[in-house]
Amino acid sequence: MPNQMITTFRMLPQEVVNQILDYQTDYTILCSMRDVCPEFNNIVDNYHRYQVLTTLDLGWNQIGNVGAKHLSDALRHNTTITTLHLGWNQAGDVDAQHLSDVIRHNTTITTLDLRWNEIGDAGVQYLADALRYNTVLITLNLQRNQIGDVGAQHLGDALQHNTTLATLDLASNKIENVAAQHLSDILEHNTTLTTLNLEENKLDEDVEHRINELIERNQRLKNT
């Protein structure tokens, strides 16, 4: 942004700047008006809507690879947003790679909703690798993506290290018994995960039953 525009904004009364910002979307404020320069950050920081922005809902937006990259850059050090909805965006593996940076570095987002996208095994590997280092995410929704056994095993491996994720939704993917058994083995030692949704996958009843038993054990441990 030209210095002339920044100077002009700084010369305007705060109430006028607020009126201009009132017409911008949350995404525009977060991704286009932040980190331009320290002076402009100060302007946005004092804007009331930004100060209370805790939920960012970008569902049904088809943000694309470029949008996912901008969003990742903006959220990496954001300290206000706790819930991020990105469902129904046709997000694929490249988008997941960008978003994995958010999981790896952001310290406030507790809920990430990526349902109804096109994330496959390659994309979920990026997310799983980031989960190994994340210490704040509580809920991850990956319902109705394209995750198969390989991707589910990556998530299972991440759960050996992650001690904060409590809810993982993997319903309506392409997970079969091999990965489900791997998840069951991980749950023998992971006591943090209290909700694991595997509905509408291709699981044998005995494997699903064992997973449910371990999840119920974790729920009991949480309540004691």
Protein backbone atom coordinates (compact mmCIF):
# COMPACT_ATOMS: atom_id res chain seq x y z
CA MET A 1 0.00 0.00 0.00
CA PRO A 2 1.47 3.42 -0.95
CA ASN A 3 2.80 5.50 1.91
CA GLN A 4 0.53 8.31 0.78
CA MET A 5 -2.56 6.22 1.52
CA ILE A 6 -1.21 5.21 4.93
CA THR A 7 -0.49 8.85 5.76
CA THR A 8 -4.00 9.80 4.65
CA PHE A 9 -5.56 7.18 6.91
CA ARG A 10 -3.47 8.36 9.84
CA MET A 11 -4.70 11.91 9.30
CA LEU A 12 -8.34 10.91 9.37
CA PRO A 13 -10.30 10.93 12.64
CA GLN A 14 -10.68 7.45 14.13
CA GLU A 15 -14.44 7.52 13.71
CA VAL A 16 -14.06 8.12 9.97
CA VAL A 17 -11.55 5.28 9.67
CA ASN A 18 -14.01 3.04 11.54
CA GLN A 19 -16.75 3.92 9.08
CA ILE A 20 -14.48 2.91 6.19
CA LEU A 21 -13.60 -0.35 7.92
CA ASP A 22 -17.29 -1.01 8.59
CA TYR A 23 -17.73 -1.67 4.87
CA GLN A 24 -14.92 -4.22 4.70
CA THR A 25 -15.38 -7.95 5.22
CA ASP A 26 -13.61 -9.74 8.06
CA TYR A 27 -11.46 -11.51 5.47
CA THR A 28 -10.42 -8.20 3.87
CA ILE A 29 -9.54 -6.65 7.22
CA LEU A 30 -7.58 -9.70 8.30
CA CYS A 31 -5.81 -10.54 5.04
CA SER A 32 -5.48 -7.24 3.20
CA MET A 33 -5.27 -4.59 5.89
CA ARG A 34 -3.01 -6.33 8.37
CA ASP A 35 0.78 -6.47 8.17
CA VAL A 36 1.01 -3.82 5.48
CA CYS A 37 3.12 -1.78 7.84
CA PRO A 38 3.23 -1.13 11.61
CA GLU A 39 1.34 2.14 11.26
CA PHE A 40 -1.56 0.52 9.47
CA ASN A 41 -1.60 -2.33 11.97
CA ASN A 42 -2.10 0.23 14.73
CA ILE A 43 -5.08 1.65 12.86
CA VAL A 44 -6.70 -1.77 12.49
CA ASP A 45 -5.80 -2.80 16.05
CA ASN A 46 -7.90 0.08 17.38
CA TYR A 47 -10.92 -0.88 15.27
CA HIS A 48 -13.59 -2.34 17.57
CA ARG A 49 -14.72 -5.11 15.21
CA TYR A 50 -11.19 -6.44 14.86
CA GLN A 51 -10.68 -6.44 18.62
CA VAL A 52 -13.66 -8.77 19.15
CA LEU A 53 -13.18 -10.94 16.05
CA THR A 54 -13.11 -14.43 17.56
CA THR A 55 -14.98 -16.40 14.87
CA LEU A 56 -14.10 -16.27 11.18
CA ASP A 57 -16.68 -18.01 8.99
CA LEU A 58 -15.52 -18.35 5.37
CA GLY A 59 -17.71 -21.30 4.42
CA TRP A 60 -18.97 -21.51 0.83
CA ASN A 61 -16.38 -19.01 -0.43
CA GLN A 62 -14.08 -21.06 -2.70
CA ILE A 63 -11.13 -19.15 -1.32
CA GLY A 64 -8.67 -21.08 -3.51
CA ASN A 65 -4.95 -21.63 -3.11
CA VAL A 66 -4.07 -17.94 -3.14
CA GLY A 67 -6.76 -17.12 -0.60
CA ALA A 68 -5.63 -19.97 1.64
CA LYS A 69 -2.06 -18.66 1.50
CA HIS A 70 -3.15 -15.12 2.43
CA LEU A 71 -5.31 -16.50 5.23
CA SER A 72 -2.49 -18.63 6.56
CA ASP A 73 -0.11 -15.68 6.60
CA ALA A 74 -2.67 -13.51 8.38
CA LEU A 75 -3.58 -16.09 11.02
CA ARG A 76 -0.09 -17.26 11.83
CA HIS A 77 0.29 -14.70 14.62
CA ASN A 78 -3.33 -13.64 15.13
CA THR A 79 -4.35 -13.63 18.81
CA THR A 80 -8.12 -13.00 18.67
CA ILE A 81 -9.68 -15.72 16.49
CA THR A 82 -10.55 -18.96 18.25
CA THR A 83 -12.90 -20.55 15.68
CA LEU A 84 -12.21 -20.88 11.94
CA HIS A 85 -14.87 -22.25 9.56
CA LEU A 86 -13.67 -23.18 6.05
CA GLY A 87 -16.25 -25.77 5.04
CA TRP A 88 -17.59 -26.15 1.50
CA ASN A 89 -14.63 -24.38 -0.13
CA GLN A 90 -13.41 -27.13 -2.47
CA ALA A 91 -10.13 -26.87 -0.57
CA GLY A 92 -7.59 -29.46 -1.67
CA ASP A 93 -4.17 -30.66 -0.68
CA VAL A 94 -2.37 -27.41 -1.52
CA ASP A 95 -4.83 -25.45 0.60
CA ALA A 96 -4.29 -27.94 3.43
CA GLN A 97 -0.55 -27.37 3.17
CA HIS A 98 -1.07 -23.62 3.65
CA LEU A 99 -3.48 -24.17 6.53
CA SER A 100 -1.05 -26.49 8.26
CA ASP A 101 1.07 -23.40 8.95
CA VAL A 102 -1.86 -22.02 10.95
CA ILE A 103 -2.05 -25.21 13.04
CA ARG A 104 1.69 -25.18 13.56
CA HIS A 105 2.09 -21.53 14.61
CA ASN A 106 -1.23 -20.07 15.77
CA THR A 107 -1.76 -20.14 19.54
CA THR A 108 -5.46 -19.22 19.89
CA ILE A 109 -7.52 -21.23 17.37
CA THR A 110 -9.28 -24.04 19.21
CA THR A 111 -11.77 -25.08 16.50
CA LEU A 112 -10.93 -25.69 12.83
CA ASP A 113 -13.78 -26.77 10.57
CA LEU A 114 -12.72 -28.16 7.17
CA ARG A 115 -15.77 -30.29 6.41
CA TRP A 116 -16.98 -30.90 2.85
CA ASN A 117 -13.73 -30.13 1.07
CA GLU A 118 -11.42 -32.15 -1.19
CA ILE A 119 -8.52 -32.83 1.15
CA GLY A 120 -6.89 -36.18 0.47
CA ASP A 121 -4.09 -38.19 2.01
CA ALA A 122 -1.35 -35.80 0.88
CA GLY A 123 -3.13 -32.78 2.33
CA VAL A 124 -4.01 -34.42 5.61
CA GLN A 125 -0.36 -35.41 6.07
CA TYR A 126 0.52 -31.69 6.26
CA LEU A 127 -2.23 -31.15 8.83
CA ALA A 128 -1.14 -34.19 10.83
CA ASP A 129 2.51 -33.10 10.88
CA ALA A 130 1.44 -29.71 12.22
CA LEU A 131 -0.75 -31.35 14.88
CA ARG A 132 2.36 -32.87 16.42
CA TYR A 133 3.40 -29.38 17.54
CA ASN A 134 0.02 -27.77 18.19
CA THR A 135 -0.95 -27.27 21.83
CA VAL A 136 -4.28 -25.41 21.58
CA LEU A 137 -6.52 -27.01 18.93
CA ILE A 138 -9.40 -28.89 20.56
CA THR A 139 -11.73 -29.65 17.63
CA LEU A 140 -10.81 -30.64 14.06
CA ASN A 141 -13.61 -31.39 11.61
CA LEU A 142 -12.55 -33.22 8.44
CA GLN A 143 -15.93 -34.72 7.64
CA ARG A 144 -16.64 -35.50 3.97
CA ASN A 145 -13.21 -35.09 2.48
CA GLN A 146 -11.19 -37.67 0.53
CA ILE A 147 -9.11 -39.13 3.34
CA GLY A 148 -8.17 -42.76 2.99
CA ASP A 149 -6.17 -45.22 5.06
CA VAL A 150 -2.84 -43.46 4.50
CA GLY A 151 -4.18 -40.11 5.64
CA ALA A 152 -5.94 -41.57 8.65
CA GLN A 153 -2.72 -43.30 9.69
CA HIS A 154 -0.90 -39.96 9.51
CA LEU A 155 -3.51 -38.51 11.86
CA GLY A 156 -3.09 -41.49 14.16
CA ASP A 157 0.66 -40.94 14.27
CA ALA A 158 0.07 -37.29 15.17
CA LEU A 159 -2.16 -38.33 18.07
CA GLN A 160 0.82 -40.08 19.62
CA HIS A 161 2.31 -36.63 20.20
CA ASN A 162 -0.68 -34.29 20.44
CA THR A 163 -2.19 -33.96 23.92
CA THR A 164 -4.89 -31.31 23.38
CA LEU A 165 -7.12 -32.46 20.50
CA ALA A 166 -10.38 -33.74 22.00
CA THR A 167 -12.69 -33.99 18.99
CA LEU A 168 -11.81 -35.41 15.56
CA ASP A 169 -14.52 -35.82 12.93
CA LEU A 170 -13.60 -38.15 10.06
CA ALA A 171 -17.09 -39.18 9.02
CA SER A 172 -17.85 -39.88 5.36
CA ASN A 173 -14.29 -40.34 4.14
CA LYS A 174 -12.60 -43.40 2.60
CA ILE A 175 -11.18 -44.99 5.72
CA GLU A 176 -11.09 -48.77 6.00
CA ASN A 177 -10.07 -51.33 8.61
CA VAL A 178 -6.29 -50.99 8.26
CA ALA A 179 -6.29 -47.34 9.30
CA ALA A 180 -9.08 -47.83 11.82
CA GLN A 181 -7.06 -50.54 13.54
CA HIS A 182 -4.08 -48.18 13.60
CA LEU A 183 -6.24 -45.52 15.24
CA SER A 184 -7.42 -48.11 17.76
CA ASP A 185 -3.82 -48.98 18.63
CA ILE A 186 -2.99 -45.29 19.13
CA LEU A 187 -6.00 -44.82 21.37
CA GLU A 188 -4.64 -47.47 23.70
CA HIS A 189 -2.22 -44.76 24.81
CA ASN A 190 -3.92 -41.48 23.86
CA THR A 191 -6.27 -40.41 26.65
CA THR A 192 -7.10 -36.91 25.35
CA LEU A 193 -9.38 -37.69 22.40
CA THR A 194 -12.94 -37.95 23.71
CA THR A 195 -14.87 -37.79 20.41
CA LEU A 196 -13.92 -39.64 17.22
CA ASN A 197 -16.54 -39.75 14.49
CA LEU A 198 -15.92 -42.49 11.92
CA GLU A 199 -19.47 -42.88 10.62
CA GLU A 200 -19.98 -43.72 6.95
CA ASN A 201 -16.55 -45.21 6.46
CA LYS A 202 -15.83 -48.86 5.58
CA LEU A 203 -15.18 -50.35 9.00
CA ASP A 204 -15.89 -53.77 10.40
CA GLU A 205 -18.15 -53.77 13.40
CA ASP A 206 -15.57 -55.22 15.78
CA VAL A 207 -12.98 -52.53 14.93
CA GLU A 208 -15.54 -49.78 15.32
CA HIS A 209 -16.68 -51.28 18.62
CA ARG A 210 -13.13 -51.32 19.99
CA ILE A 211 -12.59 -47.67 19.04
CA ASN A 212 -15.85 -46.70 20.73
CA GLU A 213 -14.77 -48.52 23.89
CA LEU A 214 -11.51 -46.60 24.02
CA ILE A 215 -13.25 -43.28 23.39
CA GLU A 216 -15.70 -44.03 26.21
CA ARG A 217 -12.74 -44.82 28.47
CA ASN A 218 -11.25 -41.41 27.64
CA GLN A 219 -14.57 -39.73 28.40
CA ARG A 220 -14.65 -41.41 31.80
CA LEU A 221 -11.08 -40.36 32.53
CA LYS A 222 -11.93 -36.77 31.63
CA ASN A 223 -14.84 -36.75 34.06
CA THR A 224 -12.91 -38.20 36.99
